[in-house]
């Protein structure tokens, strides 16, 4: 069985959709915190198993011998390392055959604070002895959905990245990569450094937003402290705001600009262009 954790989340649902195009539904398991939210997947023939990262007793029943598991990283900043460790421990106890994990680009060397939990999770997976694949994802273009919408409304996109470039890709691109790995035959220990084909800057994001919306949008670069305050004032919890402000500093330093081409090679097509993603974000608003 192929078990996808967080299967009702934004990435997880796309992964399950992709799997259902590649393998029989009877081979797919959606491991979810709230099974009631997975009724649509159950109707498509997907097996539903409860798997709450914060309740280890549910994780004990979420996996079985020989399963291939996709551990989709939690978004619970400050708690996710412990959550991930609990999932890995349950998978090991169940005797799963392989585990794939959605990590972050260059998790072992990047200076981004975001990578600390990912690095710890990778270390725990290695220590578990489970054959693994690390999907080290760069930034998601959808992260900028709020920036794009606010840019259209107010004419300004804020940041602290200067002219730094980010090789983002769409959530659908990363989901396709996960599907390729989960349905492929490969030995354990493979690490993919996944990013978009083209790196772009926040001024270019503003220009694309203006071009797609037909409204004037510019980028305003702020000192790090001012950008952090703007994020907090916008309602983000301080730990989350700190993470985003730190990422902008990393972008300014080039840590998310790498374009090795591994993602497009893995999914067999070019990654989604920035303009196409901006168009989709505005249509979904």
C-alpha atoms as a PDB file:
ATOM      1  CA  UNK A   1       0.000   0.000   0.000  1.00  0.00           C
ATOM      2  CA  UNK A   2       1.026   3.603  -0.606  1.00  0.00           C
ATOM      3  CA  UNK A   3       0.224   5.690   2.459  1.00  0.00           C
ATOM      4  CA  UNK A   4       0.028   9.482   2.183  1.00  0.00           C
ATOM      5  CA  UNK A   5      -0.014  11.355   5.481  1.00  0.00           C
ATOM      6  CA  UNK A   6      -1.763  14.707   5.617  1.00  0.00           C
ATOM      7  CA  UNK A   7      -3.783  13.503   2.637  1.00  0.00           C
ATOM      8  CA  UNK A   8      -6.548  16.093   2.987  1.00  0.00           C
ATOM      9  CA  UNK A   9      -4.066  18.975   3.051  1.00  0.00           C
ATOM     10  CA  UNK A  10      -3.224  21.150   0.070  1.00  0.00           C
ATOM     11  CA  UNK A  11      -0.231  19.076  -1.041  1.00  0.00           C
ATOM     12  CA  UNK A  12      -1.543  15.721   0.146  1.00  0.00           C
ATOM     13  CA  UNK A  13      -4.752  15.909  -1.835  1.00  0.00           C
ATOM     14  CA  UNK A  14      -2.814  16.658  -5.015  1.00  0.00           C
ATOM     15  CA  UNK A  15      -0.544  13.683  -4.338  1.00  0.00           C
ATOM     16  CA  UNK A  16      -3.522  11.385  -3.869  1.00  0.00           C
ATOM     17  CA  UNK A  17      -5.102  12.702  -7.065  1.00  0.00           C
ATOM     18  CA  UNK A  18      -1.874  11.961  -8.914  1.00  0.00           C
ATOM     19  CA  UNK A  19      -1.616   8.474  -7.452  1.00  0.00           C
ATOM     20  CA  UNK A  20      -5.159   7.661  -8.541  1.00  0.00           C
ATOM     21  CA  UNK A  21      -4.119   8.416 -12.102  1.00  0.00           C
ATOM     22  CA  UNK A  22      -1.223   5.944 -11.815  1.00  0.00           C
ATOM     23  CA  UNK A  23      -2.283   3.036  -9.571  1.00  0.00           C
ATOM     24  CA  UNK A  24      -5.575   1.367  -8.563  1.00  0.00           C
ATOM     25  CA  UNK A  25      -7.420   3.153  -5.762  1.00  0.00           C
ATOM     26  CA  UNK A  26      -7.194   0.000  -3.666  1.00  0.00           C
ATOM     27  CA  UNK A  27      -3.453   0.540  -3.368  1.00  0.00           C
ATOM     28  CA  UNK A  28      -3.759   4.054  -1.915  1.00  0.00           C
ATOM     29  CA  UNK A  29      -4.229   4.959   1.747  1.00  0.00           C
ATOM     30  CA  UNK A  30      -5.077   8.446   2.973  1.00  0.00           C
ATOM     31  CA  UNK A  31      -3.718   8.875   6.501  1.00  0.00           C
ATOM     32  CA  UNK A  32      -5.521  11.883   7.937  1.00  0.00           C
ATOM     33  CA  UNK A  33      -6.092  13.684  11.232  1.00  0.00           C
ATOM     34  CA  UNK A  34      -9.851  13.913  10.660  1.00  0.00           C
ATOM     35  CA  UNK A  35     -11.294  10.954   8.715  1.00  0.00           C
ATOM     36  CA  UNK A  36     -14.584  12.808   8.360  1.00  0.00           C
ATOM     37  CA  UNK A  37     -12.907  15.251   6.002  1.00  0.00           C
ATOM     38  CA  UNK A  38     -11.763  12.401   3.754  1.00  0.00           C
ATOM     39  CA  UNK A  39     -15.207  11.181   2.715  1.00  0.00           C
ATOM     40  CA  UNK A  40     -14.593  12.304  -0.855  1.00  0.00           C
ATOM     41  CA  UNK A  41     -11.450  10.195  -1.055  1.00  0.00           C
ATOM     42  CA  UNK A  42     -13.203   7.199   0.471  1.00  0.00           C
ATOM     43  CA  UNK A  43     -15.880   7.508  -2.213  1.00  0.00           C
ATOM     44  CA  UNK A  44     -13.154   7.167  -4.823  1.00  0.00           C
ATOM     45  CA  UNK A  45     -12.004   3.868  -3.318  1.00  0.00           C
ATOM     46  CA  UNK A  46      -9.144   5.170  -1.176  1.00  0.00           C
ATOM     47  CA  UNK A  47      -8.658   3.502   2.212  1.00  0.00           C
ATOM     48  CA  UNK A  48      -8.845   6.018   5.075  1.00  0.00           C
ATOM     49  CA  UNK A  49      -6.741   5.646   8.201  1.00  0.00           C
ATOM     50  CA  UNK A  50      -6.653   8.047  11.130  1.00  0.00           C
ATOM     51  CA  UNK A  51      -3.202   9.557  11.673  1.00  0.00           C
ATOM     52  CA  UNK A  52      -2.922  12.561  13.977  1.00  0.00           C
ATOM     53  CA  UNK A  53       0.668  13.721  14.331  1.00  0.00           C
ATOM     54  CA  UNK A  54      -0.125  14.836  17.896  1.00  0.00           C
ATOM     55  CA  UNK A  55      -1.721  11.533  18.950  1.00  0.00           C
ATOM     56  CA  UNK A  56       0.832   8.686  18.710  1.00  0.00           C
ATOM     57  CA  UNK A  57      -1.850   6.087  19.441  1.00  0.00           C
ATOM     58  CA  UNK A  58      -3.432   6.836  16.066  1.00  0.00           C
ATOM     59  CA  UNK A  59      -0.095   6.551  14.304  1.00  0.00           C
ATOM     60  CA  UNK A  60       0.371   3.014  15.580  1.00  0.00           C
ATOM     61  CA  UNK A  61      -2.602   1.954  13.433  1.00  0.00           C
ATOM     62  CA  UNK A  62      -1.824   4.110  10.423  1.00  0.00           C
ATOM     63  CA  UNK A  63       0.876   1.937   8.846  1.00  0.00           C
ATOM     64  CA  UNK A  64       1.334  -1.687   7.967  1.00  0.00           C
ATOM     65  CA  UNK A  65       4.168  -4.058   7.031  1.00  0.00           C
ATOM     66  CA  UNK A  66       5.523  -3.341   3.564  1.00  0.00           C
ATOM     67  CA  UNK A  67       3.798   0.020   3.136  1.00  0.00           C
ATOM     68  CA  UNK A  68       5.428   2.832   1.197  1.00  0.00           C
ATOM     69  CA  UNK A  69       4.865   6.022   3.193  1.00  0.00           C
ATOM     70  CA  UNK A  70       4.915   9.670   2.204  1.00  0.00           C
ATOM     71  CA  UNK A  71       5.476  11.814   5.290  1.00  0.00           C
ATOM     72  CA  UNK A  72       4.259  15.284   4.385  1.00  0.00           C
ATOM     73  CA  UNK A  73       5.882  17.747   6.745  1.00  0.00           C
ATOM     74  CA  UNK A  74       3.711  19.457   9.322  1.00  0.00           C
ATOM     75  CA  UNK A  75       3.152  23.215   9.325  1.00  0.00           C
ATOM     76  CA  UNK A  76       3.079  23.368  13.141  1.00  0.00           C
ATOM     77  CA  UNK A  77       6.103  25.614  13.692  1.00  0.00           C
ATOM     78  CA  UNK A  78       7.707  24.774  17.027  1.00  0.00           C
ATOM     79  CA  UNK A  79       6.106  21.314  17.305  1.00  0.00           C
ATOM     80  CA  UNK A  80       6.718  19.603  14.036  1.00  0.00           C
ATOM     81  CA  UNK A  81      10.029  17.891  14.772  1.00  0.00           C
ATOM     82  CA  UNK A  82       8.420  15.909  17.578  1.00  0.00           C
ATOM     83  CA  UNK A  83       5.429  15.206  15.358  1.00  0.00           C
ATOM     84  CA  UNK A  84       7.632  13.907  12.565  1.00  0.00           C
ATOM     85  CA  UNK A  85       9.642  11.750  14.949  1.00  0.00           C
ATOM     86  CA  UNK A  86       6.424  10.162  16.205  1.00  0.00           C
ATOM     87  CA  UNK A  87       5.381   9.308  12.645  1.00  0.00           C
ATOM     88  CA  UNK A  88       8.771   7.808  11.824  1.00  0.00           C
ATOM     89  CA  UNK A  89       8.790   5.747  15.027  1.00  0.00           C
ATOM     90  CA  UNK A  90       5.334   4.363  14.227  1.00  0.00           C
ATOM     91  CA  UNK A  91       6.359   3.566  10.662  1.00  0.00           C
ATOM     92  CA  UNK A  92       9.444   1.730  11.867  1.00  0.00           C
ATOM     93  CA  UNK A  93       7.444  -0.253  14.415  1.00  0.00           C
ATOM     94  CA  UNK A  94       4.974  -1.248  11.687  1.00  0.00           C
ATOM     95  CA  UNK A  95       7.730  -2.510   9.394  1.00  0.00           C
ATOM     96  CA  UNK A  96       7.102  -0.201   6.437  1.00  0.00           C
ATOM     97  CA  UNK A  97       9.204  -0.811   3.358  1.00  0.00           C
ATOM     98  CA  UNK A  98      10.096   2.776   2.486  1.00  0.00           C
ATOM     99  CA  UNK A  99       9.477   6.339   3.596  1.00  0.00           C
ATOM    100  CA  UNK A 100       9.596   9.495   1.500  1.00  0.00           C
ATOM    101  CA  UNK A 101       9.742  12.847   3.280  1.00  0.00           C
ATOM    102  CA  UNK A 102       9.001  16.366   2.040  1.00  0.00           C
ATOM    103  CA  UNK A 103      12.023  18.257   3.333  1.00  0.00           C
ATOM    104  CA  UNK A 104      13.529  21.602   2.287  1.00  0.00           C
ATOM    105  CA  UNK A 105      16.122  22.484  -0.358  1.00  0.00           C
ATOM    106  CA  UNK A 106      19.674  21.704   0.814  1.00  0.00           C
ATOM    107  CA  UNK A 107      18.387  20.858   4.284  1.00  0.00           C
ATOM    108  CA  UNK A 108      21.825  19.751   5.433  1.00  0.00           C
ATOM    109  CA  UNK A 109      23.654  22.972   4.515  1.00  0.00           C
ATOM    110  CA  UNK A 110      21.164  25.856   4.201  1.00  0.00           C
ATOM    111  CA  UNK A 111      21.377  28.636   6.818  1.00  0.00           C
ATOM    112  CA  UNK A 112      17.577  29.022   6.885  1.00  0.00           C
ATOM    113  CA  UNK A 113      16.078  28.521  10.333  1.00  0.00           C
ATOM    114  CA  UNK A 114      13.220  26.788   8.522  1.00  0.00           C
ATOM    115  CA  UNK A 115      15.554  23.872   7.879  1.00  0.00           C
ATOM    116  CA  UNK A 116      16.274  23.036  11.519  1.00  0.00           C
ATOM    117  CA  UNK A 117      13.194  20.827  11.951  1.00  0.00           C
ATOM    118  CA  UNK A 118      13.683  19.292   8.502  1.00  0.00           C
ATOM    119  CA  UNK A 119      17.312  18.504   9.259  1.00  0.00           C
ATOM    120  CA  UNK A 120      16.301  16.885  12.538  1.00  0.00           C
ATOM    121  CA  UNK A 121      13.622  14.839  10.787  1.00  0.00           C
ATOM    122  CA  UNK A 122      16.054  13.645   8.146  1.00  0.00           C
ATOM    123  CA  UNK A 123      18.468  12.573  10.881  1.00  0.00           C
ATOM    124  CA  UNK A 124      15.711  10.668  12.673  1.00  0.00           C
ATOM    125  CA  UNK A 125      14.695   8.909   9.474  1.00  0.00           C
ATOM    126  CA  UNK A 126      18.288   7.913   8.777  1.00  0.00           C
ATOM    127  CA  UNK A 127      18.647   6.564  12.326  1.00  0.00           C
ATOM    128  CA  UNK A 128      15.425   4.542  11.974  1.00  0.00           C
ATOM    129  CA  UNK A 129      16.955   2.291   9.350  1.00  0.00           C
ATOM    130  CA  UNK A 130      13.938   2.632   7.060  1.00  0.00           C
ATOM    131  CA  UNK A 131      14.921   2.965   3.380  1.00  0.00           C
ATOM    132  CA  UNK A 132      14.191   6.592   2.558  1.00  0.00           C
ATOM    133  CA  UNK A 133      13.822   9.188  -0.160  1.00  0.00           C
ATOM    134  CA  UNK A 134      14.162  12.868   0.708  1.00  0.00           C
ATOM    135  CA  UNK A 135      12.171  15.274  -1.443  1.00  0.00           C
ATOM    136  CA  UNK A 136      13.941  18.518  -0.610  1.00  0.00           C
ATOM    137  CA  UNK A 137      11.458  21.061  -1.906  1.00  0.00           C
ATOM    138  CA  UNK A 138      12.357  24.666  -2.555  1.00  0.00           C
ATOM    139  CA  UNK A 139       9.812  27.444  -1.949  1.00  0.00           C
ATOM    140  CA  UNK A 140       6.198  27.033  -3.094  1.00  0.00           C
ATOM    141  CA  UNK A 141       4.921  29.763  -5.422  1.00  0.00           C
ATOM    142  CA  UNK A 142       1.535  29.583  -3.670  1.00  0.00           C
ATOM    143  CA  UNK A 143       3.189  31.006  -0.556  1.00  0.00           C
ATOM    144  CA  UNK A 144       2.895  34.367  -2.312  1.00  0.00           C
ATOM    145  CA  UNK A 145      -0.880  34.169  -2.765  1.00  0.00           C
ATOM    146  CA  UNK A 146      -1.529  36.816  -0.105  1.00  0.00           C
ATOM    147  CA  UNK A 147       1.223  39.045  -1.479  1.00  0.00           C
ATOM    148  CA  UNK A 148      -0.237  38.845  -4.977  1.00  0.00           C
ATOM    149  CA  UNK A 149      -3.793  39.613  -3.813  1.00  0.00           C
ATOM    150  CA  UNK A 150      -2.642  42.479  -1.605  1.00  0.00           C
ATOM    151  CA  UNK A 151      -0.531  43.767  -4.468  1.00  0.00           C
ATOM    152  CA  UNK A 152      -3.596  43.971  -6.691  1.00  0.00           C
ATOM    153  CA  UNK A 153      -5.632  45.632  -3.948  1.00  0.00           C
ATOM    154  CA  UNK A 154      -3.031  48.116  -2.663  1.00  0.00           C
ATOM    155  CA  UNK A 155      -0.549  48.351  -5.540  1.00  0.00           C
ATOM    156  CA  UNK A 156       2.393  47.213  -3.408  1.00  0.00           C
ATOM    157  CA  UNK A 157       4.074  43.903  -2.592  1.00  0.00           C
ATOM    158  CA  UNK A 158       6.215  44.081   0.549  1.00  0.00           C
ATOM    159  CA  UNK A 159       9.341  42.067   1.312  1.00  0.00           C
ATOM    160  CA  UNK A 160      12.901  42.139   2.557  1.00  0.00           C
ATOM    161  CA  UNK A 161      14.592  40.091  -0.174  1.00  0.00           C
ATOM    162  CA  UNK A 162      16.005  42.912  -2.274  1.00  0.00           C
ATOM    163  CA  UNK A 163      16.827  41.641  -5.749  1.00  0.00           C
ATOM    164  CA  UNK A 164      17.411  38.100  -4.467  1.00  0.00           C
ATOM    165  CA  UNK A 165      15.991  35.327  -6.582  1.00  0.00           C
ATOM    166  CA  UNK A 166      13.858  32.326  -5.628  1.00  0.00           C
ATOM    167  CA  UNK A 167      13.453  29.212  -7.781  1.00  0.00           C
ATOM    168  CA  UNK A 168       9.968  28.347  -6.621  1.00  0.00           C
ATOM    169  CA  UNK A 169       7.648  25.777  -8.132  1.00  0.00           C
ATOM    170  CA  UNK A 170       3.942  25.151  -7.849  1.00  0.00           C
ATOM    171  CA  UNK A 171       2.386  22.816  -5.338  1.00  0.00           C
ATOM    172  CA  UNK A 172       1.252  20.676  -8.265  1.00  0.00           C
ATOM    173  CA  UNK A 173       4.867  20.355  -9.423  1.00  0.00           C
ATOM    174  CA  UNK A 174       6.010  19.072  -6.039  1.00  0.00           C
ATOM    175  CA  UNK A 175       3.010  16.733  -5.830  1.00  0.00           C
ATOM    176  CA  UNK A 176       3.923  15.257  -9.212  1.00  0.00           C
ATOM    177  CA  UNK A 177       7.448  14.644  -7.934  1.00  0.00           C
ATOM    178  CA  UNK A 178       6.100  12.795  -4.908  1.00  0.00           C
ATOM    179  CA  UNK A 179       3.885  10.639  -7.128  1.00  0.00           C
ATOM    180  CA  UNK A 180       6.857   9.780  -9.346  1.00  0.00           C
ATOM    181  CA  UNK A 181       8.866   8.660  -6.330  1.00  0.00           C
ATOM    182  CA  UNK A 182       6.038   6.742  -4.656  1.00  0.00           C
ATOM    183  CA  UNK A 183       5.209   4.799  -7.811  1.00  0.00           C
ATOM    184  CA  UNK A 184       8.797   4.264  -8.942  1.00  0.00           C
ATOM    185  CA  UNK A 185      11.284   1.541  -8.225  1.00  0.00           C
ATOM    186  CA  UNK A 186      14.331   2.983  -6.511  1.00  0.00           C
ATOM    187  CA  UNK A 187      16.776   2.043  -3.804  1.00  0.00           C
ATOM    188  CA  UNK A 188      16.722   3.775  -0.447  1.00  0.00           C
ATOM    189  CA  UNK A 189      18.950   6.742   0.260  1.00  0.00           C
ATOM    190  CA  UNK A 190      18.005   8.896  -2.735  1.00  0.00           C
ATOM    191  CA  UNK A 191      17.927  12.666  -2.169  1.00  0.00           C
ATOM    192  CA  UNK A 192      16.295  15.056  -4.632  1.00  0.00           C
ATOM    193  CA  UNK A 193      17.034  18.786  -4.553  1.00  0.00           C
ATOM    194  CA  UNK A 194      13.821  20.107  -6.098  1.00  0.00           C
ATOM    195  CA  UNK A 195      13.246  23.633  -7.386  1.00  0.00           C
ATOM    196  CA  UNK A 196      11.696  25.507 -10.283  1.00  0.00           C
ATOM    197  CA  UNK A 197      13.417  25.781 -13.627  1.00  0.00           C
ATOM    198  CA  UNK A 198      13.685  29.580 -13.396  1.00  0.00           C
ATOM    199  CA  UNK A 199      14.572  31.798 -10.448  1.00  0.00           C
ATOM    200  CA  UNK A 200      12.757  35.104 -10.118  1.00  0.00           C
ATOM    201  CA  UNK A 201      12.851  38.157  -7.851  1.00  0.00           C
ATOM    202  CA  UNK A 202      10.117  39.888  -5.884  1.00  0.00           C
ATOM    203  CA  UNK A 203      10.246  42.905  -8.236  1.00  0.00           C
ATOM    204  CA  UNK A 204       9.521  40.415 -11.029  1.00  0.00           C
ATOM    205  CA  UNK A 205       6.637  38.989  -9.003  1.00  0.00           C
ATOM    206  CA  UNK A 206       5.197  42.500  -8.750  1.00  0.00           C
ATOM    207  CA  UNK A 207       5.636  42.986 -12.493  1.00  0.00           C
ATOM    208  CA  UNK A 208       3.915  39.673 -13.277  1.00  0.00           C
ATOM    209  CA  UNK A 209       1.080  40.558 -10.914  1.00  0.00           C
ATOM    210  CA  UNK A 210       0.641  43.894 -12.673  1.00  0.00           C
ATOM    211  CA  UNK A 211       0.734  42.273 -16.104  1.00  0.00           C
ATOM    212  CA  UNK A 212      -1.851  39.620 -15.220  1.00  0.00           C
ATOM    213  CA  UNK A 213      -4.193  41.889 -13.266  1.00  0.00           C
ATOM    214  CA  UNK A 214      -3.883  44.946 -15.483  1.00  0.00           C
ATOM    215  CA  UNK A 215      -3.335  47.101 -12.407  1.00  0.00           C
ATOM    216  CA  UNK A 216      -0.155  48.909 -11.262  1.00  0.00           C
ATOM    217  CA  UNK A 217       1.821  46.867  -8.735  1.00  0.00           C
ATOM    218  CA  UNK A 218       5.323  47.597  -7.437  1.00  0.00           C
ATOM    219  CA  UNK A 219       7.660  45.937  -4.982  1.00  0.00           C
ATOM    220  CA  UNK A 220       8.707  47.787  -1.833  1.00  0.00           C
ATOM    221  CA  UNK A 221      11.808  46.473  -0.109  1.00  0.00           C
ATOM    222  CA  UNK A 222      11.883  46.923   3.666  1.00  0.00           C
ATOM    223  CA  UNK A 223      14.568  46.498   6.313  1.00  0.00           C
ATOM    224  CA  UNK A 224      14.265  43.085   7.955  1.00  0.00           C
ATOM    225  CA  UNK A 225      12.890  44.453  11.240  1.00  0.00           C
ATOM    226  CA  UNK A 226      10.254  46.539   9.461  1.00  0.00           C
ATOM    227  CA  UNK A 227       9.143  43.614   7.338  1.00  0.00           C
ATOM    228  CA  UNK A 228       8.871  41.404  10.419  1.00  0.00           C
ATOM    229  CA  UNK A 229       6.732  44.026  12.116  1.00  0.00           C
ATOM    230  CA  UNK A 230       4.529  44.331   9.014  1.00  0.00           C
ATOM    231  CA  UNK A 231       3.936  40.564   9.022  1.00  0.00           C
ATOM    232  CA  UNK A 232       3.020  40.573  12.707  1.00  0.00           C
ATOM    233  CA  UNK A 233       0.743  43.575  12.231  1.00  0.00           C
ATOM    234  CA  UNK A 234      -0.949  41.664   9.404  1.00  0.00           C
ATOM    235  CA  UNK A 235      -1.923  38.984  11.913  1.00  0.00           C
ATOM    236  CA  UNK A 236       0.751  36.310  11.563  1.00  0.00           C
ATOM    237  CA  UNK A 237       1.858  34.659  14.820  1.00  0.00           C
ATOM    238  CA  UNK A 238       5.323  35.890  15.738  1.00  0.00           C
ATOM    239  CA  UNK A 239       7.088  32.514  15.173  1.00  0.00           C
ATOM    240  CA  UNK A 240       5.539  32.258  11.697  1.00  0.00           C
ATOM    241  CA  UNK A 241       6.299  35.908  10.884  1.00  0.00           C
ATOM    242  CA  UNK A 242       9.887  35.385  12.022  1.00  0.00           C
ATOM    243  CA  UNK A 243      10.212  32.361   9.744  1.00  0.00           C
ATOM    244  CA  UNK A 244       8.945  34.280   6.702  1.00  0.00           C
ATOM    245  CA  UNK A 245      11.164  37.282   7.404  1.00  0.00           C
ATOM    246  CA  UNK A 246      14.139  34.945   7.803  1.00  0.00           C
ATOM    247  CA  UNK A 247      13.347  33.339   4.461  1.00  0.00           C
ATOM    248  CA  UNK A 248      13.430  36.735   2.760  1.00  0.00           C
ATOM    249  CA  UNK A 249      16.911  37.263   4.166  1.00  0.00           C
ATOM    250  CA  UNK A 250      17.870  33.874   2.782  1.00  0.00           C
ATOM    251  CA  UNK A 251      16.442  34.784  -0.618  1.00  0.00           C
ATOM    252  CA  UNK A 252      18.508  37.972  -0.579  1.00  0.00           C
ATOM    253  CA  UNK A 253      21.567  35.788   0.041  1.00  0.00           C
ATOM    254  CA  UNK A 254      20.699  33.416  -2.815  1.00  0.00           C
ATOM    255  CA  UNK A 255      19.955  30.306  -0.765  1.00  0.00           C
ATOM    256  CA  UNK A 256      16.733  29.530  -2.699  1.00  0.00           C
ATOM    257  CA  UNK A 257      17.962  30.487  -6.151  1.00  0.00           C
ATOM    258  CA  UNK A 258      19.429  27.152  -7.223  1.00  0.00           C
ATOM    259  CA  UNK A 259      18.022  25.626 -10.423  1.00  0.00           C
ATOM    260  CA  UNK A 260      19.613  22.170 -10.794  1.00  0.00           C
ATOM    261  CA  UNK A 261      16.722  20.896 -12.930  1.00  0.00           C
ATOM    262  CA  UNK A 262      16.044  17.846 -10.792  1.00  0.00           C
ATOM    263  CA  UNK A 263      12.342  18.639 -10.386  1.00  0.00           C
ATOM    264  CA  UNK A 264      11.556  18.958 -14.086  1.00  0.00           C
ATOM    265  CA  UNK A 265      13.624  15.845 -14.795  1.00  0.00           C
ATOM    266  CA  UNK A 266      11.715  13.876 -12.172  1.00  0.00           C
ATOM    267  CA  UNK A 267       8.247  14.922 -13.336  1.00  0.00           C
ATOM    268  CA  UNK A 268       9.084  14.773 -17.040  1.00  0.00           C
ATOM    269  CA  UNK A 269       7.983  18.302 -17.921  1.00  0.00           C
ATOM    270  CA  UNK A 270       8.992  21.913 -17.252  1.00  0.00           C
ATOM    271  CA  UNK A 271       7.973  23.370 -13.913  1.00  0.00           C
ATOM    272  CA  UNK A 272       5.070  25.828 -13.801  1.00  0.00           C
ATOM    273  CA  UNK A 273       6.122  29.345 -14.929  1.00  0.00           C
ATOM    274  CA  UNK A 274       5.657  32.242 -12.520  1.00  0.00           C
ATOM    275  CA  UNK A 275       3.120  34.013 -14.750  1.00  0.00           C
ATOM    276  CA  UNK A 276       0.953  30.907 -14.960  1.00  0.00           C
ATOM    277  CA  UNK A 277       0.994  30.561 -11.180  1.00  0.00           C
ATOM    278  CA  UNK A 278       0.094  34.213 -10.656  1.00  0.00           C
ATOM    279  CA  UNK A 279      -2.796  33.830 -13.101  1.00  0.00           C
ATOM    280  CA  UNK A 280      -4.061  30.803 -11.172  1.00  0.00           C
ATOM    281  CA  UNK A 281      -3.769  32.589  -7.826  1.00  0.00           C
ATOM    282  CA  UNK A 282      -5.845  35.503  -9.069  1.00  0.00           C
ATOM    283  CA  UNK A 283      -8.481  33.200 -10.591  1.00  0.00           C
ATOM    284  CA  UNK A 284      -8.817  31.322  -7.310  1.00  0.00           C
ATOM    285  CA  UNK A 285      -9.283  34.513  -5.265  1.00  0.00           C
END
